[in-house]
Amino acid sequence: MTKRISTEAYQALRDALAVVTWYKRPFQALVTMSLRDSPELVAGLNFTSDTKRNVADELIQRLVAQESRYQDLAIRFMLEIAAMTRFSDIEQLPEPDRTTRLADARQGVARLRELTEQFSERLQAQERLQTEREANRMQAEALRRFDDDVSALKGRFLELQQAADLRQRGYDFEALLSDLFKLFDMEPRLGYRTDTEQIDGSLSFDTDDYILEAKWTADSVSREAADAFAAKVRRKGKNALGLFVAVNGFSSAALATYAESTPFITMDGSDVYLVLDGRVRLDDLLRAKRRHANETGSCYLSASEILSTL
């Protein structure tokens, strides 16, 4: 806030401080707790020997003298006192002092509240702005971390292309896919075996559960391999879905067989690379592929084709 606090508001704060407590110890506790983030303002105040009004005077002088530094703190202090509705130590006084002192406290708080109402609205606006800024900062930081994690997976993918142990490469590729699915909160499960078959993994996405087949072989996926995976998916039930990821793609026979009615969608190495290169999000890609399969019956829609329509 750039507008200076009025002399009248400072005076109302001093008057309220002198009457919202009766004993010195609660008065000291109220002031020191309210200003605990700036203890230098309280240092040297004579809470023990001096009167509450004199201590309040000295405190207000300090706030006024360094308003450019303490304006926000002073306003928050005023609003805290203005919001008081209970005056515990005064409420313990015997009558008639209790009624008289409570009236003084309520009057002092009401006057301060009247003079600081504009500050309350302005402070709330400031706090909303600060909250938005912090949310934007955290979102930007999360996006940076996310991009870094995807970039690291891209490095792993490129390294796997040079791997000599092809069997181990297949296992490492499954682990890479699992880490990729985790980044997109798809709850991946690594490979497991049932009584009759081996499942490379599974994941959950948009309320649907997918079983996963991942292959990194020298040749493209044959029709026979596609048929085997389709049968595996269908055995899971009529609502089961499959995701077949094959780095070296799918044969023309496989794609033709599942061009009009498919229980699975596909990704090839180009799709994986475009995701890891940050050119398309995995969740957007899978949604587009699933929608394409629902509309056309085809298992295949390349990421590059999706990008070309954007």
C-alpha atoms as a PDB file:
ATOM      1  CA  MET A   1       0.000   0.000   0.000  1.00  0.00           C
ATOM      2  CA  THR A   2       1.334   3.440  -0.881  1.00  0.00           C
ATOM      3  CA  LYS A   3      -1.306   5.653   0.799  1.00  0.00           C
ATOM      4  CA  ARG A   4      -0.193   6.706   4.266  1.00  0.00           C
ATOM      5  CA  ILE A   5      -2.118   5.584   7.317  1.00  0.00           C
ATOM      6  CA  SER A   6      -4.074   8.480   8.790  1.00  0.00           C
ATOM      7  CA  THR A   7      -3.135  10.048  12.106  1.00  0.00           C
ATOM      8  CA  GLU A   8      -6.666   9.309  13.260  1.00  0.00           C
ATOM      9  CA  ALA A   9      -6.187   5.560  12.629  1.00  0.00           C
ATOM     10  CA  TYR A  10      -2.942   5.518  14.600  1.00  0.00           C
ATOM     11  CA  GLN A  11      -4.660   7.394  17.417  1.00  0.00           C
ATOM     12  CA  ALA A  12      -7.522   4.880  17.406  1.00  0.00           C
ATOM     13  CA  LEU A  13      -5.008   2.037  17.635  1.00  0.00           C
ATOM     14  CA  ARG A  14      -3.309   3.668  20.617  1.00  0.00           C
ATOM     15  CA  ASP A  15      -6.635   4.252  22.362  1.00  0.00           C
ATOM     16  CA  ALA A  16      -7.784   0.688  21.719  1.00  0.00           C
ATOM     17  CA  LEU A  17      -4.519  -0.835  22.963  1.00  0.00           C
ATOM     18  CA  ALA A  18      -4.944   1.005  26.233  1.00  0.00           C
ATOM     19  CA  VAL A  19      -8.399  -0.449  26.924  1.00  0.00           C
ATOM     20  CA  VAL A  20      -8.684  -3.934  25.369  1.00  0.00           C
ATOM     21  CA  THR A  21      -6.852  -5.431  28.350  1.00  0.00           C
ATOM     22  CA  TRP A  22      -6.912  -4.450  31.996  1.00  0.00           C
ATOM     23  CA  TYR A  23      -3.783  -6.037  33.396  1.00  0.00           C
ATOM     24  CA  LYS A  24      -0.275  -5.366  32.106  1.00  0.00           C
ATOM     25  CA  ARG A  25       0.701  -8.992  31.538  1.00  0.00           C
ATOM     26  CA  PRO A  26      -2.122  -9.714  29.032  1.00  0.00           C
ATOM     27  CA  PHE A  27      -1.334  -6.351  27.423  1.00  0.00           C
ATOM     28  CA  GLN A  28       2.329  -7.324  26.976  1.00  0.00           C
ATOM     29  CA  ALA A  29       1.356 -10.762  25.633  1.00  0.00           C
ATOM     30  CA  LEU A  30      -1.069  -9.212  23.124  1.00  0.00           C
ATOM     31  CA  VAL A  31       1.504  -6.751  21.781  1.00  0.00           C
ATOM     32  CA  THR A  32       4.467  -9.118  21.634  1.00  0.00           C
ATOM     33  CA  MET A  33       2.478 -11.921  19.983  1.00  0.00           C
ATOM     34  CA  SER A  34       0.908  -9.589  17.434  1.00  0.00           C
ATOM     35  CA  LEU A  35       4.320  -8.153  16.507  1.00  0.00           C
ATOM     36  CA  ARG A  36       6.365 -11.322  16.922  1.00  0.00           C
ATOM     37  CA  ASP A  37       7.667 -11.119  13.347  1.00  0.00           C
ATOM     38  CA  SER A  38       9.267  -7.731  14.115  1.00  0.00           C
ATOM     39  CA  PRO A  39      10.525  -8.002  17.708  1.00  0.00           C
ATOM     40  CA  GLU A  40      12.658  -4.869  17.262  1.00  0.00           C
ATOM     41  CA  LEU A  41       9.451  -2.818  17.528  1.00  0.00           C
ATOM     42  CA  VAL A  42       8.803  -4.183  21.006  1.00  0.00           C
ATOM     43  CA  ALA A  43      12.385  -4.140  22.275  1.00  0.00           C
ATOM     44  CA  GLY A  44      12.870  -1.696  25.155  1.00  0.00           C
ATOM     45  CA  LEU A  45       9.204  -1.030  25.809  1.00  0.00           C
ATOM     46  CA  ASN A  46       8.669  -0.791  29.566  1.00  0.00           C
ATOM     47  CA  PHE A  47       5.688  -3.068  30.041  1.00  0.00           C
ATOM     48  CA  THR A  48       6.390  -3.546  33.747  1.00  0.00           C
ATOM     49  CA  SER A  49       6.744  -0.027  35.157  1.00  0.00           C
ATOM     50  CA  ASP A  50       5.094   2.265  32.638  1.00  0.00           C
ATOM     51  CA  THR A  51       1.382   2.639  31.962  1.00  0.00           C
ATOM     52  CA  LYS A  52      -0.288   0.833  29.104  1.00  0.00           C
ATOM     53  CA  ARG A  53      -1.132   4.161  27.443  1.00  0.00           C
ATOM     54  CA  ASN A  54       2.480   5.336  27.577  1.00  0.00           C
ATOM     55  CA  VAL A  55       3.718   2.016  26.178  1.00  0.00           C
ATOM     56  CA  ALA A  56       1.101   2.235  23.425  1.00  0.00           C
ATOM     57  CA  ASP A  57       2.233   5.811  22.714  1.00  0.00           C
ATOM     58  CA  GLU A  58       5.846   4.729  22.315  1.00  0.00           C
ATOM     59  CA  LEU A  59       4.890   1.830  20.087  1.00  0.00           C
ATOM     60  CA  ILE A  60       2.756   4.038  17.830  1.00  0.00           C
ATOM     61  CA  GLN A  61       5.615   6.550  17.536  1.00  0.00           C
ATOM     62  CA  ARG A  62       7.891   3.763  16.331  1.00  0.00           C
ATOM     63  CA  LEU A  63       5.349   2.621  13.757  1.00  0.00           C
ATOM     64  CA  VAL A  64       4.791   6.180  12.495  1.00  0.00           C
ATOM     65  CA  ALA A  65       8.518   6.957  12.323  1.00  0.00           C
ATOM     66  CA  GLN A  66       9.148   3.934  10.073  1.00  0.00           C
ATOM     67  CA  GLU A  67       5.840   3.679   8.260  1.00  0.00           C
ATOM     68  CA  SER A  68       7.518   2.969   4.923  1.00  0.00           C
ATOM     69  CA  ARG A  69       8.980  -0.174   6.474  1.00  0.00           C
ATOM     70  CA  TYR A  70       6.167  -1.247   8.783  1.00  0.00           C
ATOM     71  CA  GLN A  71       3.000  -0.087   7.011  1.00  0.00           C
ATOM     72  CA  ASP A  72       1.719  -3.573   6.176  1.00  0.00           C
ATOM     73  CA  LEU A  73       2.534  -4.769   9.684  1.00  0.00           C
ATOM     74  CA  ALA A  74       0.794  -1.757  11.242  1.00  0.00           C
ATOM     75  CA  ILE A  75      -2.329  -2.361   9.169  1.00  0.00           C
ATOM     76  CA  ARG A  76      -2.423  -6.045  10.087  1.00  0.00           C
ATOM     77  CA  PHE A  77      -1.950  -5.085  13.744  1.00  0.00           C
ATOM     78  CA  MET A  78      -4.826  -2.617  13.510  1.00  0.00           C
ATOM     79  CA  LEU A  79      -7.076  -5.173  11.846  1.00  0.00           C
ATOM     80  CA  GLU A  80      -6.232  -7.802  14.466  1.00  0.00           C
ATOM     81  CA  ILE A  81      -7.168  -5.453  17.316  1.00  0.00           C
ATOM     82  CA  ALA A  82     -10.247  -4.222  15.419  1.00  0.00           C
ATOM     83  CA  ALA A  83     -11.455  -7.830  15.087  1.00  0.00           C
ATOM     84  CA  MET A  84     -11.414  -8.502  18.840  1.00  0.00           C
ATOM     85  CA  THR A  85     -14.735  -9.611  20.296  1.00  0.00           C
ATOM     86  CA  ARG A  86     -13.622 -11.079  23.635  1.00  0.00           C
ATOM     87  CA  PHE A  87     -11.631  -9.360  26.367  1.00  0.00           C
ATOM     88  CA  SER A  88     -10.776 -12.213  28.691  1.00  0.00           C
ATOM     89  CA  ASP A  89      -9.051 -10.489  31.598  1.00  0.00           C
ATOM     90  CA  ILE A  90     -11.628  -7.660  31.678  1.00  0.00           C
ATOM     91  CA  GLU A  91     -14.429 -10.236  31.751  1.00  0.00           C
ATOM     92  CA  GLN A  92     -12.978 -11.534  35.030  1.00  0.00           C
ATOM     93  CA  LEU A  93     -13.252  -8.175  36.787  1.00  0.00           C
ATOM     94  CA  PRO A  94     -15.899  -7.692  39.468  1.00  0.00           C
ATOM     95  CA  GLU A  95     -18.825  -5.412  38.875  1.00  0.00           C
ATOM     96  CA  PRO A  96     -19.239  -2.513  38.314  1.00  0.00           C
ATOM     97  CA  ASP A  97     -15.699  -2.325  36.823  1.00  0.00           C
ATOM     98  CA  ARG A  98     -16.378  -5.180  34.402  1.00  0.00           C
ATOM     99  CA  THR A  99     -19.301  -3.474  32.682  1.00  0.00           C
ATOM    100  CA  THR A 100     -17.513  -0.114  32.480  1.00  0.00           C
ATOM    101  CA  ARG A 101     -14.229  -1.536  31.170  1.00  0.00           C
ATOM    102  CA  LEU A 102     -15.954  -3.825  28.650  1.00  0.00           C
ATOM    103  CA  ALA A 103     -17.853  -0.837  27.295  1.00  0.00           C
ATOM    104  CA  ASP A 104     -14.576   1.076  26.907  1.00  0.00           C
ATOM    105  CA  ALA A 105     -12.941  -1.901  25.148  1.00  0.00           C
ATOM    106  CA  ARG A 106     -15.830  -2.399  22.744  1.00  0.00           C
ATOM    107  CA  GLN A 107     -15.995   1.301  21.985  1.00  0.00           C
ATOM    108  CA  GLY A 108     -12.242   1.460  21.302  1.00  0.00           C
ATOM    109  CA  VAL A 109     -12.373  -1.587  19.015  1.00  0.00           C
ATOM    110  CA  ALA A 110     -15.438  -0.272  17.177  1.00  0.00           C
ATOM    111  CA  ARG A 111     -13.744   3.072  16.500  1.00  0.00           C
ATOM    112  CA  LEU A 112     -10.630   1.346  15.191  1.00  0.00           C
ATOM    113  CA  ARG A 113     -12.731  -0.985  13.042  1.00  0.00           C
ATOM    114  CA  GLU A 114     -14.544   1.995  11.525  1.00  0.00           C
ATOM    115  CA  LEU A 115     -11.268   3.665  10.555  1.00  0.00           C
ATOM    116  CA  THR A 116      -9.596   0.542   9.175  1.00  0.00           C
ATOM    117  CA  GLU A 117     -12.425  -1.020   7.178  1.00  0.00           C
ATOM    118  CA  GLN A 118     -10.880   0.299   3.941  1.00  0.00           C
ATOM    119  CA  PHE A 119      -7.588  -1.360   4.889  1.00  0.00           C
ATOM    120  CA  SER A 120      -9.322  -4.696   5.331  1.00  0.00           C
ATOM    121  CA  GLU A 121     -10.683  -4.629   1.786  1.00  0.00           C
ATOM    122  CA  ARG A 122      -7.352  -3.514   0.358  1.00  0.00           C
ATOM    123  CA  LEU A 123      -5.438  -6.124   2.317  1.00  0.00           C
ATOM    124  CA  GLN A 124      -7.774  -8.869   1.142  1.00  0.00           C
ATOM    125  CA  ALA A 125      -7.179  -7.779  -2.448  1.00  0.00           C
ATOM    126  CA  GLN A 126      -3.427  -7.836  -1.841  1.00  0.00           C
ATOM    127  CA  GLU A 127      -3.613 -11.278  -0.311  1.00  0.00           C
ATOM    128  CA  ARG A 128      -5.688 -12.607  -3.231  1.00  0.00           C
ATOM    129  CA  LEU A 129      -3.113 -11.216  -5.649  1.00  0.00           C
ATOM    130  CA  GLN A 130      -0.276 -12.738  -3.655  1.00  0.00           C
ATOM    131  CA  THR A 131      -2.071 -16.081  -3.554  1.00  0.00           C
ATOM    132  CA  GLU A 132      -2.522 -15.993  -7.324  1.00  0.00           C
ATOM    133  CA  ARG A 133       1.134 -15.100  -7.830  1.00  0.00           C
ATOM    134  CA  GLU A 134       2.257 -17.933  -5.559  1.00  0.00           C
ATOM    135  CA  ALA A 135      -0.037 -20.388  -7.345  1.00  0.00           C
ATOM    136  CA  ASN A 136       1.359 -19.270 -10.702  1.00  0.00           C
ATOM    137  CA  ARG A 137       4.903 -19.579  -9.402  1.00  0.00           C
ATOM    138  CA  MET A 138       4.280 -23.086  -8.088  1.00  0.00           C
ATOM    139  CA  GLN A 139       2.594 -24.088 -11.355  1.00  0.00           C
ATOM    140  CA  ALA A 140       5.549 -22.770 -13.361  1.00  0.00           C
ATOM    141  CA  GLU A 141       7.972 -24.629 -11.101  1.00  0.00           C
ATOM    142  CA  ALA A 142       5.969 -27.840 -11.450  1.00  0.00           C
ATOM    143  CA  LEU A 143       5.983 -27.439 -15.234  1.00  0.00           C
ATOM    144  CA  ARG A 144       9.751 -26.929 -15.215  1.00  0.00           C
ATOM    145  CA  ARG A 145      10.242 -30.079 -13.147  1.00  0.00           C
ATOM    146  CA  PHE A 146       7.846 -31.962 -15.411  1.00  0.00           C
ATOM    147  CA  ASP A 147       9.721 -30.826 -18.538  1.00  0.00           C
ATOM    148  CA  ASP A 148      13.024 -31.817 -16.936  1.00  0.00           C
ATOM    149  CA  ASP A 149      11.673 -35.273 -16.098  1.00  0.00           C
ATOM    150  CA  VAL A 150      10.359 -35.792 -19.638  1.00  0.00           C
ATOM    151  CA  SER A 151      13.696 -34.613 -21.056  1.00  0.00           C
ATOM    152  CA  ALA A 152      15.519 -37.126 -18.849  1.00  0.00           C
ATOM    153  CA  LEU A 153      13.299 -39.915 -20.205  1.00  0.00           C
ATOM    154  CA  LYS A 154      14.125 -38.777 -23.717  1.00  0.00           C
ATOM    155  CA  GLY A 155      17.823 -39.180 -22.917  1.00  0.00           C
ATOM    156  CA  ARG A 156      17.169 -42.704 -21.654  1.00  0.00           C
ATOM    157  CA  PHE A 157      15.210 -43.518 -24.820  1.00  0.00           C
ATOM    158  CA  LEU A 158      18.034 -42.330 -27.063  1.00  0.00           C
ATOM    159  CA  GLU A 159      20.563 -44.337 -25.041  1.00  0.00           C
ATOM    160  CA  LEU A 160      18.454 -47.469 -25.450  1.00  0.00           C
ATOM    161  CA  GLN A 161      18.729 -47.106 -29.219  1.00  0.00           C
ATOM    162  CA  GLN A 162      22.447 -47.866 -28.861  1.00  0.00           C
ATOM    163  CA  ALA A 163      22.006 -50.790 -26.464  1.00  0.00           C
ATOM    164  CA  ALA A 164      23.872 -53.994 -27.355  1.00  0.00           C
ATOM    165  CA  ASP A 165      21.850 -56.317 -25.112  1.00  0.00           C
ATOM    166  CA  LEU A 166      18.531 -56.407 -26.945  1.00  0.00           C
ATOM    167  CA  ARG A 167      16.789 -58.557 -24.338  1.00  0.00           C
ATOM    168  CA  GLN A 168      17.750 -56.134 -21.558  1.00  0.00           C
ATOM    169  CA  ARG A 169      16.715 -53.242 -23.773  1.00  0.00           C
ATOM    170  CA  GLY A 170      13.190 -54.637 -23.847  1.00  0.00           C
ATOM    171  CA  TYR A 171      13.030 -54.725 -20.043  1.00  0.00           C
ATOM    172  CA  ASP A 172      14.522 -51.231 -19.789  1.00  0.00           C
ATOM    173  CA  PHE A 173      11.995 -49.939 -22.300  1.00  0.00           C
ATOM    174  CA  GLU A 174       9.121 -51.302 -20.215  1.00  0.00           C
ATOM    175  CA  ALA A 175      10.573 -49.507 -17.167  1.00  0.00           C
ATOM    176  CA  LEU A 176      10.890 -46.282 -19.180  1.00  0.00           C
ATOM    177  CA  LEU A 177       7.246 -46.502 -20.237  1.00  0.00           C
ATOM    178  CA  SER A 178       6.227 -47.091 -16.634  1.00  0.00           C
ATOM    179  CA  ASP A 179       8.091 -43.940 -15.555  1.00  0.00           C
ATOM    180  CA  LEU A 180       6.472 -42.000 -18.388  1.00  0.00           C
ATOM    181  CA  PHE A 181       3.012 -43.157 -17.344  1.00  0.00           C
ATOM    182  CA  LYS A 182       3.768 -42.139 -13.753  1.00  0.00           C
ATOM    183  CA  LEU A 183       4.573 -38.590 -14.882  1.00  0.00           C
ATOM    184  CA  PHE A 184       1.076 -38.378 -16.315  1.00  0.00           C
ATOM    185  CA  ASP A 185      -0.536 -39.944 -13.210  1.00  0.00           C
ATOM    186  CA  MET A 186      -1.660 -43.042 -15.096  1.00  0.00           C
ATOM    187  CA  GLU A 187      -1.019 -45.444 -12.214  1.00  0.00           C
ATOM    188  CA  PRO A 188       1.146 -47.899 -14.157  1.00  0.00           C
ATOM    189  CA  ARG A 189       1.705 -51.452 -13.015  1.00  0.00           C
ATOM    190  CA  LEU A 190       4.783 -53.271 -14.203  1.00  0.00           C
ATOM    191  CA  GLY A 191       4.656 -56.617 -15.971  1.00  0.00           C
ATOM    192  CA  TYR A 192       2.968 -59.547 -14.262  1.00  0.00           C
ATOM    193  CA  ARG A 193       2.041 -63.119 -15.102  1.00  0.00           C
ATOM    194  CA  THR A 194      -1.320 -64.827 -14.786  1.00  0.00           C
ATOM    195  CA  ASP A 195      -1.857 -68.590 -14.835  1.00  0.00           C
ATOM    196  CA  THR A 196      -2.047 -68.553 -18.626  1.00  0.00           C
ATOM    197  CA  GLU A 197      -0.202 -65.508 -19.960  1.00  0.00           C
ATOM    198  CA  GLN A 198       2.388 -62.790 -19.475  1.00  0.00           C
ATOM    199  CA  ILE A 199       1.187 -59.163 -19.248  1.00  0.00           C
ATOM    200  CA  ASP A 200       3.783 -56.466 -19.912  1.00  0.00           C
ATOM    201  CA  GLY A 201       1.954 -54.000 -17.680  1.00  0.00           C
ATOM    202  CA  SER A 202      -1.215 -51.999 -17.145  1.00  0.00           C
ATOM    203  CA  LEU A 203      -2.305 -48.436 -16.551  1.00  0.00           C
ATOM    204  CA  SER A 204      -5.361 -46.338 -15.733  1.00  0.00           C
ATOM    205  CA  PHE A 205      -6.340 -43.303 -17.766  1.00  0.00           C
ATOM    206  CA  ASP A 206      -9.564 -41.264 -17.969  1.00  0.00           C
ATOM    207  CA  THR A 207     -11.408 -43.854 -15.839  1.00  0.00           C
ATOM    208  CA  ASP A 208     -10.383 -46.653 -18.240  1.00  0.00           C
ATOM    209  CA  ASP A 209      -7.951 -49.472 -17.515  1.00  0.00           C
ATOM    210  CA  TYR A 210      -5.518 -50.534 -20.234  1.00  0.00           C
ATOM    211  CA  ILE A 211      -3.339 -53.585 -20.467  1.00  0.00           C
ATOM    212  CA  LEU A 212       0.013 -52.881 -22.057  1.00  0.00           C
ATOM    213  CA  GLU A 213       2.118 -54.674 -24.621  1.00  0.00           C
ATOM    214  CA  ALA A 214       5.579 -53.197 -25.242  1.00  0.00           C
ATOM    215  CA  LYS A 215       7.952 -54.438 -27.926  1.00  0.00           C
ATOM    216  CA  TRP A 216      11.329 -53.260 -29.146  1.00  0.00           C
ATOM    217  CA  THR A 217      12.247 -55.813 -31.767  1.00  0.00           C
ATOM    218  CA  ALA A 218      14.206 -55.546 -34.993  1.00  0.00           C
ATOM    219  CA  ASP A 219      11.099 -56.031 -37.115  1.00  0.00           C
ATOM    220  CA  SER A 220       7.683 -54.432 -37.074  1.00  0.00           C
ATOM    221  CA  VAL A 221       4.905 -56.180 -35.190  1.00  0.00           C
ATOM    222  CA  SER A 222       3.346 -58.948 -37.252  1.00  0.00           C
ATOM    223  CA  ARG A 223      -0.318 -59.663 -37.665  1.00  0.00           C
ATOM    224  CA  GLU A 224       0.138 -62.806 -35.548  1.00  0.00           C
ATOM    225  CA  ALA A 225       1.560 -60.758 -32.644  1.00  0.00           C
ATOM    226  CA  ALA A 226      -1.268 -58.256 -32.997  1.00  0.00           C
ATOM    227  CA  ASP A 227      -3.806 -61.107 -32.995  1.00  0.00           C
ATOM    228  CA  ALA A 228      -2.254 -62.560 -29.858  1.00  0.00           C
ATOM    229  CA  PHE A 229      -2.499 -59.218 -28.052  1.00  0.00           C
ATOM    230  CA  ALA A 230      -6.065 -58.651 -29.255  1.00  0.00           C
ATOM    231  CA  ALA A 231      -7.058 -62.050 -27.874  1.00  0.00           C
ATOM    232  CA  LYS A 232      -5.332 -61.193 -24.607  1.00  0.00           C
ATOM    233  CA  VAL A 233      -7.316 -57.940 -24.345  1.00  0.00           C
ATOM    234  CA  ARG A 234     -10.628 -59.586 -25.212  1.00  0.00           C
ATOM    235  CA  ARG A 235     -10.105 -62.221 -22.535  1.00  0.00           C
ATOM    236  CA  LYS A 236     -10.132 -59.396 -19.971  1.00  0.00           C
ATOM    237  CA  GLY A 237     -13.773 -58.624 -20.762  1.00  0.00           C
ATOM    238  CA  LYS A 238     -15.815 -56.586 -23.236  1.00  0.00           C
ATOM    239  CA  ASN A 239     -14.820 -53.272 -21.625  1.00  0.00           C
ATOM    240  CA  ALA A 240     -11.100 -54.043 -21.590  1.00  0.00           C
ATOM    241  CA  LEU A 241      -8.756 -51.794 -23.559  1.00  0.00           C
ATOM    242  CA  GLY A 242      -5.262 -52.392 -24.846  1.00  0.00           C
ATOM    243  CA  LEU A 243      -2.254 -50.191 -25.596  1.00  0.00           C
ATOM    244  CA  PHE A 244       0.316 -51.759 -27.898  1.00  0.00           C
ATOM    245  CA  VAL A 245       3.628 -49.856 -27.981  1.00  0.00           C
ATOM    246  CA  ALA A 246       6.071 -51.078 -30.650  1.00  0.00           C
ATOM    247  CA  VAL A 247       9.158 -48.964 -31.327  1.00  0.00           C
ATOM    248  CA  ASN A 248       9.596 -50.308 -34.854  1.00  0.00           C
ATOM    249  CA  GLY A 249       5.931 -50.028 -35.698  1.00  0.00           C
ATOM    250  CA  PHE A 250       3.402 -52.472 -37.096  1.00  0.00           C
ATOM    251  CA  SER A 251       3.279 -54.449 -40.313  1.00  0.00           C
ATOM    252  CA  SER A 252       0.782 -53.471 -42.995  1.00  0.00           C
ATOM    253  CA  ALA A 253      -1.032 -56.742 -42.400  1.00  0.00           C
ATOM    254  CA  ALA A 254      -1.406 -55.995 -38.694  1.00  0.00           C
ATOM    255  CA  LEU A 255      -2.698 -52.489 -39.342  1.00  0.00           C
ATOM    256  CA  ALA A 256      -5.088 -53.701 -42.037  1.00  0.00           C
ATOM    257  CA  THR A 257      -6.529 -56.378 -39.757  1.00  0.00           C
ATOM    258  CA  TYR A 258      -7.303 -53.831 -37.045  1.00  0.00           C
ATOM    259  CA  ALA A 259      -8.328 -50.938 -39.304  1.00  0.00           C
ATOM    260  CA  GLU A 260     -12.081 -51.280 -38.736  1.00  0.00           C
ATOM    261  CA  SER A 261     -12.567 -53.096 -35.433  1.00  0.00           C
ATOM    262  CA  THR A 262      -9.904 -53.019 -32.739  1.00  0.00           C
ATOM    263  CA  PRO A 263      -9.740 -53.731 -29.008  1.00  0.00           C
ATOM    264  CA  PHE A 264      -6.469 -51.789 -28.696  1.00  0.00           C
ATOM    265  CA  ILE A 265      -4.737 -48.585 -29.727  1.00  0.00           C
ATOM    266  CA  THR A 266      -1.116 -48.353 -30.841  1.00  0.00           C
ATOM    267  CA  MET A 267       2.007 -46.257 -30.385  1.00  0.00           C
ATOM    268  CA  ASP A 268       5.211 -46.594 -32.367  1.00  0.00           C
ATOM    269  CA  GLY A 269       8.706 -45.218 -31.823  1.00  0.00           C
ATOM    270  CA  SER A 270       7.885 -41.955 -33.554  1.00  0.00           C
ATOM    271  CA  ASP A 271       4.940 -41.419 -31.205  1.00  0.00           C
ATOM    272  CA  VAL A 272       7.104 -42.110 -28.174  1.00  0.00           C
ATOM    273  CA  TYR A 273       9.808 -39.724 -29.387  1.00  0.00           C
ATOM    274  CA  LEU A 274       7.363 -36.880 -30.065  1.00  0.00           C
ATOM    275  CA  VAL A 275       5.999 -37.256 -26.533  1.00  0.00           C
ATOM    276  CA  LEU A 276       9.486 -37.297 -25.013  1.00  0.00           C
ATOM    277  CA  ASP A 277      10.506 -34.350 -27.179  1.00  0.00           C
ATOM    278  CA  GLY A 278       7.663 -32.331 -25.689  1.00  0.00           C
ATOM    279  CA  ARG A 279       5.791 -31.817 -28.932  1.00  0.00           C
ATOM    280  CA  VAL A 280       2.657 -33.615 -27.790  1.00  0.00           C
ATOM    281  CA  ARG A 281       1.419 -34.594 -24.347  1.00  0.00           C
ATOM    282  CA  LEU A 282       0.929 -38.287 -23.718  1.00  0.00           C
ATOM    283  CA  ASP A 283      -2.575 -37.807 -22.302  1.00  0.00           C
ATOM    284  CA  ASP A 284      -3.659 -35.722 -25.304  1.00  0.00           C
ATOM    285  CA  LEU A 285      -2.168 -38.311 -27.648  1.00  0.00           C
ATOM    286  CA  LEU A 286      -3.951 -41.250 -26.031  1.00  0.00           C
ATOM    287  CA  ARG A 287      -7.266 -39.397 -26.011  1.00  0.00           C
ATOM    288  CA  ALA A 288      -6.924 -38.634 -29.714  1.00  0.00           C
ATOM    289  CA  LYS A 289      -6.023 -42.237 -30.494  1.00  0.00           C
ATOM    290  CA  ARG A 290      -8.904 -43.583 -28.422  1.00  0.00           C
ATOM    291  CA  ARG A 291     -11.359 -41.191 -30.058  1.00  0.00           C
ATOM    292  CA  HIS A 292     -10.046 -42.179 -33.493  1.00  0.00           C
ATOM    293  CA  ALA A 293     -10.475 -45.873 -32.643  1.00  0.00           C
ATOM    294  CA  ASN A 294     -14.025 -45.271 -31.437  1.00  0.00           C
ATOM    295  CA  GLU A 295     -14.957 -43.309 -34.548  1.00  0.00           C
ATOM    296  CA  THR A 296     -13.231 -45.405 -37.194  1.00  0.00           C
ATOM    297  CA  GLY A 297     -12.467 -48.757 -35.585  1.00  0.00           C
ATOM    298  CA  SER A 298      -8.778 -48.307 -36.482  1.00  0.00           C
ATOM    299  CA  CYS A 299      -5.984 -49.060 -34.029  1.00  0.00           C
ATOM    300  CA  TYR A 300      -3.584 -46.637 -35.693  1.00  0.00           C
ATOM    301  CA  LEU A 301      -3.283 -42.848 -35.659  1.00  0.00           C
ATOM    302  CA  SER A 302       0.199 -41.347 -35.643  1.00  0.00           C
ATOM    303  CA  ALA A 303       1.215 -38.452 -33.429  1.00  0.00           C
ATOM    304  CA  SER A 304       2.665 -36.634 -36.438  1.00  0.00           C
ATOM    305  CA  GLU A 305      -0.731 -36.803 -38.149  1.00  0.00           C
ATOM    306  CA  ILE A 306      -2.380 -35.328 -35.049  1.00  0.00           C
ATOM    307  CA  LEU A 307       0.179 -32.520 -34.905  1.00  0.00           C
ATOM    308  CA  SER A 308      -0.337 -31.695 -38.563  1.00  0.00           C
ATOM    309  CA  THR A 309      -3.992 -30.858 -37.890  1.00  0.00           C
ATOM    310  CA  LEU A 310      -3.257 -28.472 -35.030  1.00  0.00           C
END
